[in-house]
Amino acid sequence: MNAKSTDEKYTELIGELRLKLNLLADKIAPKVYEYEFLKQ
């Protein structure tokens, strides 16, 4: 994905996508350690 674009719609959508990905990562992070996919 492009980091920057002059297209306003693309910039808006990519910002929203990144926000949702961060929220999802925060939600699943505890389970990653609980089910020992990663060791702390």
C-alpha atoms as a PDB file:
ATOM      1  CA  MET A   1       0.000   0.000   0.000  1.00  0.00           C
ATOM      2  CA  ASN A   2       1.180   3.485  -0.734  1.00  0.00           C
ATOM      3  CA  ALA A   3       2.215   5.516   2.278  1.00  0.00           C
ATOM      4  CA  LYS A   4       1.109   8.796   0.694  1.00  0.00           C
ATOM      5  CA  SER A   5      -1.259   9.763  -2.083  1.00  0.00           C
ATOM      6  CA  THR A   6      -2.737  12.929  -3.507  1.00  0.00           C
ATOM      7  CA  ASP A   7      -6.115  11.181  -3.832  1.00  0.00           C
ATOM      8  CA  GLU A   8      -8.191  12.316  -0.861  1.00  0.00           C
ATOM      9  CA  LYS A   9     -10.551   9.325  -0.947  1.00  0.00           C
ATOM     10  CA  TYR A  10      -7.622   6.858  -0.941  1.00  0.00           C
ATOM     11  CA  THR A  11      -5.989   8.687   1.960  1.00  0.00           C
ATOM     12  CA  GLU A  12      -9.252   8.615   3.921  1.00  0.00           C
ATOM     13  CA  LEU A  13      -9.841   4.913   3.276  1.00  0.00           C
ATOM     14  CA  ILE A  14      -6.267   3.839   4.021  1.00  0.00           C
ATOM     15  CA  GLY A  15      -6.370   5.807   7.277  1.00  0.00           C
ATOM     16  CA  GLU A  16      -9.576   4.063   8.286  1.00  0.00           C
ATOM     17  CA  LEU A  17      -8.127   0.667   7.333  1.00  0.00           C
ATOM     18  CA  ARG A  18      -5.006   1.258   9.420  1.00  0.00           C
ATOM     19  CA  LEU A  19      -7.115   2.317  12.393  1.00  0.00           C
ATOM     20  CA  LYS A  20      -9.264  -0.819  12.148  1.00  0.00           C
ATOM     21  CA  LEU A  21      -6.157  -3.022  11.813  1.00  0.00           C
ATOM     22  CA  ASN A  22      -4.713  -1.483  14.974  1.00  0.00           C
ATOM     23  CA  LEU A  23      -7.977  -2.052  16.848  1.00  0.00           C
ATOM     24  CA  LEU A  24      -8.029  -5.674  15.697  1.00  0.00           C
ATOM     25  CA  ALA A  25      -4.405  -6.168  16.738  1.00  0.00           C
ATOM     26  CA  ASP A  26      -5.162  -4.773  20.204  1.00  0.00           C
ATOM     27  CA  LYS A  27      -8.136  -7.105  20.512  1.00  0.00           C
ATOM     28  CA  ILE A  28      -6.309 -10.312  19.552  1.00  0.00           C
ATOM     29  CA  ALA A  29      -2.958  -9.589  21.242  1.00  0.00           C
ATOM     30  CA  PRO A  30      -3.938 -11.089  24.639  1.00  0.00           C
ATOM     31  CA  LYS A  31      -5.082 -14.332  22.980  1.00  0.00           C
ATOM     32  CA  VAL A  32      -1.773 -14.663  21.115  1.00  0.00           C
ATOM     33  CA  TYR A  33       0.015 -15.014  24.440  1.00  0.00           C
ATOM     34  CA  GLU A  34      -2.790 -16.934  26.145  1.00  0.00           C
ATOM     35  CA  TYR A  35      -2.714 -19.668  23.509  1.00  0.00           C
ATOM     36  CA  GLU A  36       1.114 -19.512  23.430  1.00  0.00           C
ATOM     37  CA  PHE A  37       1.542 -18.582  19.782  1.00  0.00           C
ATOM     38  CA  LEU A  38       4.233 -16.285  21.211  1.00  0.00           C
ATOM     39  CA  LYS A  39       6.010 -16.588  24.532  1.00  0.00           C
ATOM     40  CA  GLN A  40       6.234 -13.481  26.719  1.00  0.00           C
END
